[in-house]
C-alpha atoms as a PDB file:
ATOM      1  CA  UNK A   1     176.717   4.874  83.894  1.00  0.00           C
ATOM      2  CA  UNK A   2     175.071   7.375  81.569  1.00  0.00           C
ATOM      3  CA  UNK A   3     174.839   6.781  77.824  1.00  0.00           C
ATOM      4  CA  UNK A   4     177.464   9.457  77.149  1.00  0.00           C
ATOM      5  CA  UNK A   5     180.246   7.160  78.343  1.00  0.00           C
ATOM      6  CA  UNK A   6     179.310   4.544  75.757  1.00  0.00           C
ATOM      7  CA  UNK A   7     180.847   6.910  73.191  1.00  0.00           C
ATOM      8  CA  UNK A   8     184.223   6.841  74.905  1.00  0.00           C
ATOM      9  CA  UNK A   9     184.919   3.120  74.960  1.00  0.00           C
ATOM     10  CA  UNK A  10     188.451   3.612  76.292  1.00  0.00           C
ATOM     11  CA  UNK A  11     190.237   6.054  78.554  1.00  0.00           C
ATOM     12  CA  UNK A  12     192.496   6.895  75.610  1.00  0.00           C
ATOM     13  CA  UNK A  13     189.515   8.157  73.611  1.00  0.00           C
ATOM     14  CA  UNK A  14     188.424  10.378  76.483  1.00  0.00           C
ATOM     15  CA  UNK A  15     191.992  11.633  76.909  1.00  0.00           C
ATOM     16  CA  UNK A  16     192.123  12.616  73.235  1.00  0.00           C
ATOM     17  CA  UNK A  17     188.806  14.449  73.561  1.00  0.00           C
ATOM     18  CA  UNK A  18     190.065  16.477  76.528  1.00  0.00           C
ATOM     19  CA  UNK A  19     192.918  17.744  74.366  1.00  0.00           C
ATOM     20  CA  UNK A  20     190.503  18.898  71.665  1.00  0.00           C
ATOM     21  CA  UNK A  21     188.164  20.627  74.105  1.00  0.00           C
ATOM     22  CA  UNK A  22     191.043  22.419  75.819  1.00  0.00           C
ATOM     23  CA  UNK A  23     192.605  23.482  72.511  1.00  0.00           C
ATOM     24  CA  UNK A  24     189.351  25.035  71.297  1.00  0.00           C
ATOM     25  CA  UNK A  25     189.083  26.933  74.582  1.00  0.00           C
ATOM     26  CA  UNK A  26     192.640  28.247  74.145  1.00  0.00           C
ATOM     27  CA  UNK A  27     191.715  29.590  70.728  1.00  0.00           C
ATOM     28  CA  UNK A  28     188.413  31.167  71.694  1.00  0.00           C
ATOM     29  CA  UNK A  29     189.078  32.472  75.220  1.00  0.00           C
ATOM     30  CA  UNK A  30     192.138  34.595  75.950  1.00  0.00           C
ATOM     31  CA  UNK A  31     191.589  34.600  79.719  1.00  0.00           C
ATOM     32  CA  UNK A  32     192.433  31.316  81.426  1.00  0.00           C
ATOM     33  CA  UNK A  33     189.988  32.033  84.277  1.00  0.00           C
ATOM     34  CA  UNK A  34     187.023  31.956  81.906  1.00  0.00           C
ATOM     35  CA  UNK A  35     187.852  28.688  80.201  1.00  0.00           C
ATOM     36  CA  UNK A  36     185.789  25.598  80.958  1.00  0.00           C
ATOM     37  CA  UNK A  37     188.225  22.891  79.871  1.00  0.00           C
ATOM     38  CA  UNK A  38     191.733  22.268  81.196  1.00  0.00           C
ATOM     39  CA  UNK A  39     194.264  19.695  80.034  1.00  0.00           C
ATOM     40  CA  UNK A  40     197.669  18.941  81.568  1.00  0.00           C
ATOM     41  CA  UNK A  41     199.373  16.172  79.570  1.00  0.00           C
ATOM     42  CA  UNK A  42     202.246  15.725  82.058  1.00  0.00           C
ATOM     43  CA  UNK A  43     200.622  16.210  85.454  1.00  0.00           C
ATOM     44  CA  UNK A  44     203.214  13.777  86.824  1.00  0.00           C
ATOM     45  CA  UNK A  45     205.720  11.546  85.029  1.00  0.00           C
ATOM     46  CA  UNK A  46     203.022   8.938  84.407  1.00  0.00           C
ATOM     47  CA  UNK A  47     199.696  10.761  84.795  1.00  0.00           C
ATOM     48  CA  UNK A  48     197.677  13.249  82.746  1.00  0.00           C
ATOM     49  CA  UNK A  49     195.002  15.548  84.153  1.00  0.00           C
ATOM     50  CA  UNK A  50     191.768  16.866  82.694  1.00  0.00           C
ATOM     51  CA  UNK A  51     189.273  19.193  84.322  1.00  0.00           C
ATOM     52  CA  UNK A  52     185.918  20.746  83.520  1.00  0.00           C
ATOM     53  CA  UNK A  53     184.919  23.718  85.668  1.00  0.00           C
ATOM     54  CA  UNK A  54     181.751  25.551  84.708  1.00  0.00           C
ATOM     55  CA  UNK A  55     182.457  28.484  87.005  1.00  0.00           C
ATOM     56  CA  UNK A  56     179.266  27.908  88.976  1.00  0.00           C
ATOM     57  CA  UNK A  57     180.646  25.557  91.608  1.00  0.00           C
ATOM     58  CA  UNK A  58     180.423  22.353  89.580  1.00  0.00           C
ATOM     59  CA  UNK A  59     183.448  20.475  88.321  1.00  0.00           C
ATOM     60  CA  UNK A  60     184.676  17.197  86.905  1.00  0.00           C
ATOM     61  CA  UNK A  61     188.229  15.885  87.260  1.00  0.00           C
ATOM     62  CA  UNK A  62     189.785  13.050  85.256  1.00  0.00           C
ATOM     63  CA  UNK A  63     193.206  11.585  86.033  1.00  0.00           C
ATOM     64  CA  UNK A  64     194.675   9.333  83.338  1.00  0.00           C
ATOM     65  CA  UNK A  65     197.372   6.708  83.489  1.00  0.00           C
ATOM     66  CA  UNK A  66     198.852   5.151  80.327  1.00  0.00           C
ATOM     67  CA  UNK A  67     195.822   2.855  79.910  1.00  0.00           C
ATOM     68  CA  UNK A  68     193.391   3.705  82.705  1.00  0.00           C
ATOM     69  CA  UNK A  69     191.452   6.591  84.179  1.00  0.00           C
ATOM     70  CA  UNK A  70     189.489   7.729  87.219  1.00  0.00           C
ATOM     71  CA  UNK A  71     186.845  10.444  87.018  1.00  0.00           C
ATOM     72  CA  UNK A  72     185.170  12.211  89.912  1.00  0.00           C
ATOM     73  CA  UNK A  73     182.534  14.909  89.667  1.00  0.00           C
ATOM     74  CA  UNK A  74     181.004  17.425  92.029  1.00  0.00           C
ATOM     75  CA  UNK A  75     177.536  18.867  91.450  1.00  0.00           C
ATOM     76  CA  UNK A  76     177.094  21.496  94.156  1.00  0.00           C
ATOM     77  CA  UNK A  77     173.284  21.229  93.988  1.00  0.00           C
ATOM     78  CA  UNK A  78     173.207  17.450  94.339  1.00  0.00           C
ATOM     79  CA  UNK A  79     171.675  15.846  97.425  1.00  0.00           C
ATOM     80  CA  UNK A  80     174.798  13.670  97.489  1.00  0.00           C
ATOM     81  CA  UNK A  81     177.084  16.641  98.093  1.00  0.00           C
ATOM     82  CA  UNK A  82     178.980  16.531 101.408  1.00  0.00           C
ATOM     83  CA  UNK A  83     177.462  19.919 102.153  1.00  0.00           C
ATOM     84  CA  UNK A  84     173.979  18.379 101.976  1.00  0.00           C
ATOM     85  CA  UNK A  85     174.720  15.807 104.707  1.00  0.00           C
ATOM     86  CA  UNK A  86     173.951  16.338 108.379  1.00  0.00           C
ATOM     87  CA  UNK A  87     177.641  16.034 109.083  1.00  0.00           C
ATOM     88  CA  UNK A  88     179.950  17.069 106.273  1.00  0.00           C
ATOM     89  CA  UNK A  89     181.029  13.747 104.763  1.00  0.00           C
ATOM     90  CA  UNK A  90     181.369  11.847 101.509  1.00  0.00           C
ATOM     91  CA  UNK A  91     178.078  10.184 100.566  1.00  0.00           C
ATOM     92  CA  UNK A  92     178.043   6.446 101.245  1.00  0.00           C
ATOM     93  CA  UNK A  93     179.199   4.221  98.403  1.00  0.00           C
ATOM     94  CA  UNK A  94     180.656   6.817  96.034  1.00  0.00           C
ATOM     95  CA  UNK A  95     184.236   5.604  96.386  1.00  0.00           C
ATOM     96  CA  UNK A  96     183.379   2.035  97.361  1.00  0.00           C
ATOM     97  CA  UNK A  97     184.723  -0.588  94.949  1.00  0.00           C
ATOM     98  CA  UNK A  98     187.109   1.926  93.390  1.00  0.00           C
ATOM     99  CA  UNK A  99     190.525   0.313  92.836  1.00  0.00           C
ATOM    100  CA  UNK A 100     192.948   1.607  95.460  1.00  0.00           C
ATOM    101  CA  UNK A 101     195.671   2.533  92.971  1.00  0.00           C
ATOM    102  CA  UNK A 102     193.217   4.748  91.059  1.00  0.00           C
ATOM    103  CA  UNK A 103     191.627   6.254  94.150  1.00  0.00           C
ATOM    104  CA  UNK A 104     195.027   7.350  95.442  1.00  0.00           C
ATOM    105  CA  UNK A 105     195.287   9.719  92.496  1.00  0.00           C
ATOM    106  CA  UNK A 106     192.476  11.825  93.936  1.00  0.00           C
ATOM    107  CA  UNK A 107     194.260  12.513  97.214  1.00  0.00           C
ATOM    108  CA  UNK A 108     196.265  15.402  95.769  1.00  0.00           C
ATOM    109  CA  UNK A 109     195.102  18.550  97.653  1.00  0.00           C
ATOM    110  CA  UNK A 110     194.450  20.329  94.355  1.00  0.00           C
ATOM    111  CA  UNK A 111     191.743  17.793  93.493  1.00  0.00           C
ATOM    112  CA  UNK A 112     189.687  18.163  96.705  1.00  0.00           C
ATOM    113  CA  UNK A 113     188.959  14.498  97.314  1.00  0.00           C
ATOM    114  CA  UNK A 114     185.878  15.235  99.478  1.00  0.00           C
ATOM    115  CA  UNK A 115     184.208  17.377  96.824  1.00  0.00           C
ATOM    116  CA  UNK A 116     182.449  14.516  95.093  1.00  0.00           C
ATOM    117  CA  UNK A 117     178.943  13.410  94.160  1.00  0.00           C
ATOM    118  CA  UNK A 118     179.933  10.633  91.722  1.00  0.00           C
ATOM    119  CA  UNK A 119     182.962   8.645  90.666  1.00  0.00           C
ATOM    120  CA  UNK A 120     183.652   6.201  87.841  1.00  0.00           C
ATOM    121  CA  UNK A 121     186.776   4.617  86.434  1.00  0.00           C
ATOM    122  CA  UNK A 122     188.277   2.343  83.828  1.00  0.00           C
ATOM    123  CA  UNK A 123     191.123  -0.108  84.361  1.00  0.00           C
ATOM    124  CA  UNK A 124     193.284  -1.259  81.458  1.00  0.00           C
ATOM    125  CA  UNK A 125     191.314  -3.516  79.131  1.00  0.00           C
ATOM    126  CA  UNK A 126     188.117  -3.173  81.166  1.00  0.00           C
ATOM    127  CA  UNK A 127     184.829  -1.288  80.726  1.00  0.00           C
ATOM    128  CA  UNK A 128     183.894   1.857  82.633  1.00  0.00           C
ATOM    129  CA  UNK A 129     182.664   1.066  86.147  1.00  0.00           C
ATOM    130  CA  UNK A 130     180.912   2.981  88.903  1.00  0.00           C
ATOM    131  CA  UNK A 131     180.377   2.319  92.587  1.00  0.00           C
ATOM    132  CA  UNK A 132     177.002   1.015  93.742  1.00  0.00           C
ATOM    133  CA  UNK A 133     175.802   4.250  95.316  1.00  0.00           C
ATOM    134  CA  UNK A 134     172.151   4.212  96.350  1.00  0.00           C
ATOM    135  CA  UNK A 135     170.761   7.512  95.077  1.00  0.00           C
ATOM    136  CA  UNK A 136     167.662   8.689  96.978  1.00  0.00           C
ATOM    137  CA  UNK A 137     164.420   8.911  95.027  1.00  0.00           C
ATOM    138  CA  UNK A 138     164.170  12.251  93.275  1.00  0.00           C
ATOM    139  CA  UNK A 139     167.888  12.986  93.742  1.00  0.00           C
ATOM    140  CA  UNK A 140     170.663  13.203  91.172  1.00  0.00           C
ATOM    141  CA  UNK A 141     174.400  12.671  91.565  1.00  0.00           C
ATOM    142  CA  UNK A 142     175.250  15.077  88.725  1.00  0.00           C
ATOM    143  CA  UNK A 143     176.897  12.555  86.415  1.00  0.00           C
ATOM    144  CA  UNK A 144     174.558  13.144  83.490  1.00  0.00           C
ATOM    145  CA  UNK A 145     174.816  16.907  83.970  1.00  0.00           C
ATOM    146  CA  UNK A 146     178.620  17.094  84.091  1.00  0.00           C
ATOM    147  CA  UNK A 147     179.355  14.482  81.442  1.00  0.00           C
ATOM    148  CA  UNK A 148     177.067  16.627  79.308  1.00  0.00           C
ATOM    149  CA  UNK A 149     180.222  18.688  78.764  1.00  0.00           C
ATOM    150  CA  UNK A 150     181.744  15.642  77.048  1.00  0.00           C
ATOM    151  CA  UNK A 151     180.893  16.835  73.549  1.00  0.00           C
ATOM    152  CA  UNK A 152     181.433  14.031  71.095  1.00  0.00           C
ATOM    153  CA  UNK A 153     180.854  15.811  67.778  1.00  0.00           C
ATOM    154  CA  UNK A 154     181.786  19.114  66.168  1.00  0.00           C
ATOM    155  CA  UNK A 155     178.099  19.975  65.905  1.00  0.00           C
ATOM    156  CA  UNK A 156     177.500  19.364  69.610  1.00  0.00           C
ATOM    157  CA  UNK A 157     180.540  21.405  70.645  1.00  0.00           C
ATOM    158  CA  UNK A 158     179.621  24.185  68.220  1.00  0.00           C
ATOM    159  CA  UNK A 159     176.142  24.490  69.728  1.00  0.00           C
ATOM    160  CA  UNK A 160     177.700  24.772  73.180  1.00  0.00           C
ATOM    161  CA  UNK A 161     180.148  27.435  71.973  1.00  0.00           C
ATOM    162  CA  UNK A 162     177.310  29.523  70.556  1.00  0.00           C
ATOM    163  CA  UNK A 163     175.580  29.455  73.923  1.00  0.00           C
ATOM    164  CA  UNK A 164     178.603  29.873  76.214  1.00  0.00           C
ATOM    165  CA  UNK A 165     180.648  32.359  74.195  1.00  0.00           C
ATOM    166  CA  UNK A 166     177.573  34.027  72.696  1.00  0.00           C
ATOM    167  CA  UNK A 167     179.026  33.998  69.195  1.00  0.00           C
ATOM    168  CA  UNK A 168     177.589  32.822  65.910  1.00  0.00           C
ATOM    169  CA  UNK A 169     179.164  29.732  64.406  1.00  0.00           C
ATOM    170  CA  UNK A 170     179.908  30.740  60.824  1.00  0.00           C
ATOM    171  CA  UNK A 171     181.575  28.487  58.251  1.00  0.00           C
ATOM    172  CA  UNK A 172     185.056  29.712  59.127  1.00  0.00           C
ATOM    173  CA  UNK A 173     184.633  28.971  62.824  1.00  0.00           C
ATOM    174  CA  UNK A 174     183.045  25.612  62.037  1.00  0.00           C
ATOM    175  CA  UNK A 175     186.096  24.733  59.964  1.00  0.00           C
ATOM    176  CA  UNK A 176     188.330  25.769  62.853  1.00  0.00           C
ATOM    177  CA  UNK A 177     186.523  23.487  65.307  1.00  0.00           C
ATOM    178  CA  UNK A 178     186.615  20.588  62.818  1.00  0.00           C
ATOM    179  CA  UNK A 179     190.363  21.127  62.400  1.00  0.00           C
ATOM    180  CA  UNK A 180     190.948  20.966  66.157  1.00  0.00           C
ATOM    181  CA  UNK A 181     188.652  17.996  66.747  1.00  0.00           C
ATOM    182  CA  UNK A 182     190.638  16.121  64.075  1.00  0.00           C
ATOM    183  CA  UNK A 183     193.790  17.292  65.894  1.00  0.00           C
ATOM    184  CA  UNK A 184     195.420  18.456  62.681  1.00  0.00           C
ATOM    185  CA  UNK A 185     198.609  20.492  62.966  1.00  0.00           C
ATOM    186  CA  UNK A 186     198.199  24.217  63.674  1.00  0.00           C
ATOM    187  CA  UNK A 187     200.821  26.681  62.472  1.00  0.00           C
ATOM    188  CA  UNK A 188     201.048  30.472  62.475  1.00  0.00           C
ATOM    189  CA  UNK A 189     199.628  30.649  58.959  1.00  0.00           C
ATOM    190  CA  UNK A 190     196.508  28.825  60.101  1.00  0.00           C
ATOM    191  CA  UNK A 191     196.120  31.228  63.036  1.00  0.00           C
ATOM    192  CA  UNK A 192     196.558  34.301  60.808  1.00  0.00           C
ATOM    193  CA  UNK A 193     193.997  32.896  58.386  1.00  0.00           C
ATOM    194  CA  UNK A 194     191.463  32.610  61.210  1.00  0.00           C
ATOM    195  CA  UNK A 195     192.056  36.071  62.624  1.00  0.00           C
ATOM    196  CA  UNK A 196     194.372  35.292  65.546  1.00  0.00           C
ATOM    197  CA  UNK A 197     197.188  37.588  64.386  1.00  0.00           C
ATOM    198  CA  UNK A 198     197.624  39.464  67.679  1.00  0.00           C
ATOM    199  CA  UNK A 199     197.463  36.345  69.882  1.00  0.00           C
ATOM    200  CA  UNK A 200     199.285  33.944  67.568  1.00  0.00           C
ATOM    201  CA  UNK A 201     202.479  33.643  69.615  1.00  0.00           C
ATOM    202  CA  UNK A 202     200.625  33.180  72.907  1.00  0.00           C
ATOM    203  CA  UNK A 203     198.280  30.619  71.374  1.00  0.00           C
ATOM    204  CA  UNK A 204     201.200  28.634  69.954  1.00  0.00           C
ATOM    205  CA  UNK A 205     202.828  28.586  73.398  1.00  0.00           C
ATOM    206  CA  UNK A 206     199.643  27.394  75.115  1.00  0.00           C
ATOM    207  CA  UNK A 207     198.953  24.745  72.476  1.00  0.00           C
ATOM    208  CA  UNK A 208     202.451  23.379  73.024  1.00  0.00           C
ATOM    209  CA  UNK A 209     201.807  23.256  76.775  1.00  0.00           C
ATOM    210  CA  UNK A 210     198.795  20.963  76.252  1.00  0.00           C
ATOM    211  CA  UNK A 211     200.754  18.882  73.700  1.00  0.00           C
ATOM    212  CA  UNK A 212     198.552  19.858  70.763  1.00  0.00           C
ATOM    213  CA  UNK A 213     200.381  19.272  67.444  1.00  0.00           C
ATOM    214  CA  UNK A 214     201.850  22.570  66.188  1.00  0.00           C
ATOM    215  CA  UNK A 215     204.414  23.560  63.558  1.00  0.00           C
END
């Protein structure tokens, strides 16, 4: 496991972070197709769904239960990709040791079970775990790369925003990101204050859909 996951000691902490990342994307990007982060709080009656898609063929999916989580990632340039094997197949060991009840969550056609170069999980009350995949010398399974989108601080996320959205992070925008990372209530007055007059109604609707606190 990479050091990044030491920050998120529990699946609940990672779940909360997904909400913040998705909410910031809703505010800054009007077009859904260009957003990186997705959060579906009620994917099923008991499960929540988070996704990171960088638009370049790489993605990370996280499926959360009330107290557990399974994460699978796909780095399209990785030597562990099914497309890099002589016969298209999942690289040996990636899903080995994964609890069956968690692994079953990845069989939904929308998740593309075979598109995987790494997988890790956390059961209730346990630490994060990862299968004992033997990664060839000089190869990379993409975990460090894709969990690099797990921004743990406002400063880290702000730096990413400057690069991805090509906008300057001024004090007003910094305050906005801090507000969302703290998951403080957003109302129409807050949106008007930050220049979202024309999109206010749409933003409020989308924030409600991801279960972000609004008034």
